[in-house]
């Protein structure tokens, strides 16, 4: 994955060429929109979109810039939906702890509390590093104490690891789009099915991401997830 040059990265931040895409999360049983996930979007000067993972990977060598961009994104994401709508937001672990360990002075916590804990679900991603899993666990414990709901994102992605402790604490499990891509892998689907069984037995809800066609929707229904999300449904863009 090619990272952005420091010059391009600084230009993007100074010009504030980022925005948000709100992707609906739809209840399978009713077809109603239950919530929206706020997805970060970034643009180059010529209007081309840059993948968010490239931008964030480019930012990770500079914690203060990462904190600046992530906080600006969260402010945009939380301020542009009506108060009646629930919103799922990703929160980068490194950005969260770039503020220091004093949680009473953490701007992300303050921002989410101002928006209302009943409106926001915080999504966390476990990557391939043990330290990421430990930070995810620590963040989830913090948000649970505050009464903020949490979700584990991208479960089953090949680059993510599975922490039983994290899995037990979250209220939402979001299955990565790779579940759709590997739907014919019988052994893999046994694991996915057991994860869904565990979620339902422990009162959690399951979202399948990556829905782009009616066949994907039908597969999700057969799989028994609660909600679906993807480009099969119309998103809303807000750019700066």
Protein backbone atom coordinates (compact mmCIF):
# COMPACT_ATOMS: atom_id res chain seq x y z
CA UNK A 1 0.00 0.00 0.00
CA UNK A 2 1.57 3.26 -1.16
CA UNK A 3 1.41 5.97 1.49
CA UNK A 4 0.82 9.65 0.82
CA UNK A 5 3.85 11.91 0.70
CA UNK A 6 4.26 14.31 3.62
CA UNK A 7 3.58 17.18 1.23
CA UNK A 8 0.31 15.69 -0.03
CA UNK A 9 -0.73 14.80 3.52
CA UNK A 10 -0.12 18.29 4.87
CA UNK A 11 -1.89 19.87 1.90
CA UNK A 12 -4.93 17.64 2.44
CA UNK A 13 -5.10 18.60 6.13
CA UNK A 14 -4.55 22.32 5.61
CA UNK A 15 -7.16 22.46 2.83
CA UNK A 16 -9.55 20.36 4.95
CA UNK A 17 -10.44 18.27 1.93
CA UNK A 18 -12.25 15.61 3.86
CA UNK A 19 -15.85 14.78 4.55
CA UNK A 20 -18.21 11.97 5.45
CA UNK A 21 -20.30 9.33 3.73
CA UNK A 22 -23.30 8.11 5.70
CA UNK A 23 -24.03 4.52 4.79
CA UNK A 24 -27.35 3.11 6.02
CA UNK A 25 -27.51 0.06 8.28
CA UNK A 26 -30.73 -1.73 7.39
CA UNK A 27 -32.75 -4.14 9.50
CA UNK A 28 -33.23 -7.35 7.51
CA UNK A 29 -36.59 -8.31 8.95
CA UNK A 30 -38.30 -4.98 8.19
CA UNK A 31 -36.16 -3.33 5.52
CA UNK A 32 -36.06 -0.15 7.63
CA UNK A 33 -32.97 1.98 8.13
CA UNK A 34 -31.89 1.43 11.73
CA UNK A 35 -28.80 3.66 11.80
CA UNK A 36 -25.99 5.09 9.67
CA UNK A 37 -22.29 4.42 9.71
CA UNK A 38 -20.20 7.57 9.27
CA UNK A 39 -17.34 6.76 6.88
CA UNK A 40 -14.36 9.09 6.48
CA UNK A 41 -13.74 10.36 2.95
CA UNK A 42 -10.69 12.24 1.64
CA UNK A 43 -10.05 13.99 -1.70
CA UNK A 44 -6.95 15.08 -3.61
CA UNK A 45 -6.78 18.55 -5.23
CA UNK A 46 -7.95 17.08 -8.57
CA UNK A 47 -11.09 15.67 -6.93
CA UNK A 48 -9.98 12.04 -6.76
CA UNK A 49 -10.93 10.19 -3.60
CA UNK A 50 -8.14 8.66 -1.53
CA UNK A 51 -8.80 5.45 0.40
CA UNK A 52 -9.18 6.23 4.13
CA UNK A 53 -6.83 3.40 5.13
CA UNK A 54 -4.06 5.01 3.05
CA UNK A 55 -4.60 8.39 4.73
CA UNK A 56 -4.65 6.92 8.24
CA UNK A 57 -1.62 4.71 7.58
CA UNK A 58 0.20 7.84 6.39
CA UNK A 59 -0.81 9.66 9.58
CA UNK A 60 0.29 7.02 12.08
CA UNK A 61 3.89 8.18 12.13
CA UNK A 62 2.72 11.52 13.50
CA UNK A 63 0.38 11.08 16.51
CA UNK A 64 -0.54 14.77 16.75
CA UNK A 65 -1.57 15.00 13.08
CA UNK A 66 -3.49 11.74 13.49
CA UNK A 67 -5.28 13.18 16.51
CA UNK A 68 -6.06 16.41 14.63
CA UNK A 69 -7.56 14.66 11.60
CA UNK A 70 -9.48 12.03 13.57
CA UNK A 71 -11.02 14.63 15.87
CA UNK A 72 -11.97 16.86 12.92
CA UNK A 73 -13.57 13.86 11.23
CA UNK A 74 -15.55 12.92 14.31
CA UNK A 75 -16.86 16.47 14.66
CA UNK A 76 -18.09 16.41 11.04
CA UNK A 77 -19.55 12.92 11.37
CA UNK A 78 -21.47 13.64 14.54
CA UNK A 79 -22.71 17.12 13.67
CA UNK A 80 -24.34 16.43 10.30
CA UNK A 81 -26.96 13.84 11.27
CA UNK A 82 -30.22 14.69 12.96
CA UNK A 83 -30.52 13.99 16.66
CA UNK A 84 -33.16 11.36 15.91
CA UNK A 85 -30.70 9.10 14.06
CA UNK A 86 -28.25 6.67 15.61
CA UNK A 87 -24.75 6.89 14.13
CA UNK A 88 -21.89 4.35 14.16
CA UNK A 89 -18.43 5.94 14.15
CA UNK A 90 -15.00 4.33 13.85
CA UNK A 91 -12.49 5.53 16.43
CA UNK A 92 -8.78 4.99 15.90
CA UNK A 93 -7.12 3.60 19.02
CA UNK A 94 -3.86 5.47 18.47
CA UNK A 95 -5.70 8.77 18.01
CA UNK A 96 -7.75 8.13 21.15
CA UNK A 97 -4.64 7.60 23.29
CA UNK A 98 -2.61 10.33 21.56
CA UNK A 99 -4.45 12.66 23.97
CA UNK A 100 -2.74 10.92 26.90
CA UNK A 101 -4.07 8.65 29.60
CA UNK A 102 -6.15 11.31 31.36
CA UNK A 103 -9.63 10.25 30.27
CA UNK A 104 -11.23 13.21 32.03
CA UNK A 105 -9.53 15.45 29.47
CA UNK A 106 -10.08 13.28 26.37
CA UNK A 107 -11.72 15.30 23.55
CA UNK A 108 -13.26 12.20 21.93
CA UNK A 109 -15.08 11.29 25.12
CA UNK A 110 -16.24 14.86 25.55
CA UNK A 111 -17.50 15.01 21.95
CA UNK A 112 -19.44 11.73 22.20
CA UNK A 113 -20.98 12.71 25.52
CA UNK A 114 -22.13 16.03 24.06
CA UNK A 115 -23.82 14.21 21.16
CA UNK A 116 -25.56 11.80 23.53
CA UNK A 117 -24.61 8.26 24.44
CA UNK A 118 -27.92 6.89 23.15
CA UNK A 119 -27.17 8.22 19.68
CA UNK A 120 -23.58 7.03 19.16
CA UNK A 121 -22.12 3.54 18.74
CA UNK A 122 -18.31 3.47 18.76
CA UNK A 123 -16.71 0.97 16.38
CA UNK A 124 -13.28 -0.44 17.10
CA UNK A 125 -11.04 -2.46 14.81
CA UNK A 126 -8.65 -5.14 16.01
CA UNK A 127 -5.63 -5.35 13.74
CA UNK A 128 -2.85 -7.92 13.65
CA UNK A 129 -0.94 -6.48 16.64
CA UNK A 130 -1.44 -7.58 20.23
CA UNK A 131 -1.08 -3.95 21.32
CA UNK A 132 -4.07 -3.00 19.15
CA UNK A 133 -6.22 -5.65 20.82
CA UNK A 134 -5.18 -4.40 24.26
CA UNK A 135 -6.00 -0.80 23.32
CA UNK A 136 -9.37 -1.91 21.92
CA UNK A 137 -10.14 -3.70 25.17
CA UNK A 138 -9.13 -0.68 27.23
CA UNK A 139 -11.26 1.66 25.10
CA UNK A 140 -14.30 -0.59 25.26
CA UNK A 141 -14.02 -0.77 29.04
CA UNK A 142 -13.92 3.03 29.17
CA UNK A 143 -16.97 3.45 26.96
CA UNK A 144 -18.88 0.72 28.79
CA UNK A 145 -18.32 2.58 32.06
CA UNK A 146 -19.72 5.72 30.41
CA UNK A 147 -22.76 3.86 29.05
CA UNK A 148 -21.66 4.30 25.41
CA UNK A 149 -22.41 1.34 23.16
CA UNK A 150 -19.59 -0.32 21.24
CA UNK A 151 -19.16 -2.50 18.17
CA UNK A 152 -16.35 -4.74 16.92
CA UNK A 153 -15.72 -3.91 13.27
CA UNK A 154 -14.32 -6.03 10.40
CA UNK A 155 -14.59 -9.36 12.21
CA UNK A 156 -13.34 -12.22 9.98
CA UNK A 157 -11.04 -9.93 8.00
CA UNK A 158 -7.79 -11.78 7.30
CA UNK A 159 -5.74 -8.94 8.87
CA UNK A 160 -7.70 -8.86 12.12
CA UNK A 161 -7.22 -10.99 15.18
CA UNK A 162 -9.96 -12.19 17.48
CA UNK A 163 -9.93 -11.27 21.15
CA UNK A 164 -12.45 -13.20 23.23
CA UNK A 165 -12.39 -10.45 25.88
CA UNK A 166 -13.26 -7.76 23.33
CA UNK A 167 -15.88 -9.96 21.70
CA UNK A 168 -17.63 -10.45 25.02
CA UNK A 169 -17.80 -6.74 25.89
CA UNK A 170 -19.20 -5.24 22.69
CA UNK A 171 -22.92 -5.06 21.92
CA UNK A 172 -22.52 -5.19 18.14
CA UNK A 173 -20.50 -7.48 15.86
CA UNK A 174 -19.87 -6.31 12.32
CA UNK A 175 -18.81 -9.04 9.89
CA UNK A 176 -16.34 -7.97 7.22
CA UNK A 177 -17.30 -8.11 3.54
CA UNK A 178 -14.88 -11.03 3.13
CA UNK A 179 -17.69 -13.24 4.52
CA UNK A 180 -19.50 -12.65 1.23
CA UNK A 181 -16.36 -13.33 -0.78
CA UNK A 182 -15.75 -16.63 1.07
CA UNK A 183 -19.35 -17.80 1.19
CA UNK A 184 -18.44 -21.03 -0.66
CA UNK A 185 -15.70 -21.93 1.82
CA UNK A 186 -17.53 -24.51 3.95
CA UNK A 187 -15.03 -24.56 6.85
CA UNK A 188 -14.90 -20.77 7.05
CA UNK A 189 -18.69 -20.53 7.05
CA UNK A 190 -18.91 -22.94 9.98
CA UNK A 191 -16.85 -20.46 11.99
CA UNK A 192 -19.02 -17.52 10.85
CA UNK A 193 -22.18 -19.41 11.77
CA UNK A 194 -20.86 -20.14 15.26
CA UNK A 195 -19.93 -16.47 15.77
CA UNK A 196 -23.50 -15.49 14.87
CA UNK A 197 -24.89 -18.15 17.24
CA UNK A 198 -22.64 -16.83 20.02
CA UNK A 199 -23.74 -13.26 19.36
CA UNK A 200 -27.43 -14.08 19.52
CA UNK A 201 -27.03 -16.31 22.59
CA UNK A 202 -25.36 -13.43 24.44
CA UNK A 203 -27.77 -10.69 23.36
CA UNK A 204 -25.59 -9.09 20.69
CA UNK A 205 -26.64 -7.94 17.22
CA UNK A 206 -24.82 -8.83 13.99
CA UNK A 207 -24.30 -6.64 10.93
CA UNK A 208 -23.00 -8.02 7.62
CA UNK A 209 -21.07 -5.42 5.61
CA UNK A 210 -20.43 -5.31 1.88
CA UNK A 211 -23.97 -5.89 0.56
CA UNK A 212 -23.98 -4.82 -3.11
CA UNK A 213 -26.63 -6.98 -4.79
CA UNK A 214 -29.86 -8.84 -4.19
CA UNK A 215 -27.87 -12.09 -4.07
CA UNK A 216 -25.78 -10.64 -1.23
CA UNK A 217 -28.97 -9.58 0.57
CA UNK A 218 -30.47 -13.06 0.17
CA UNK A 219 -27.29 -14.69 1.45
CA UNK A 220 -27.37 -12.42 4.52
CA UNK A 221 -30.96 -13.47 5.19
CA UNK A 222 -30.02 -17.15 4.93
CA UNK A 223 -27.04 -16.57 7.21
CA UNK A 224 -29.31 -15.15 9.92
CA UNK A 225 -27.69 -11.78 10.60
CA UNK A 226 -29.78 -8.96 12.04
CA UNK A 227 -28.68 -6.04 9.86
CA UNK A 228 -26.93 -5.40 6.55
CA UNK A 229 -24.86 -2.54 5.19
CA UNK A 230 -23.31 -1.74 1.82
CA UNK A 231 -23.55 0.03 -1.54
CA UNK A 232 -26.80 -1.82 -2.29
CA UNK A 233 -28.35 1.02 -0.33
CA UNK A 234 -28.03 4.73 -1.13
CA UNK A 235 -25.45 6.61 0.89
CA UNK A 236 -25.32 10.33 1.64
CA UNK A 237 -22.15 12.39 1.15
CA UNK A 238 -21.19 15.56 2.99
CA UNK A 239 -17.85 17.04 1.91
CA UNK A 240 -15.77 20.00 2.96
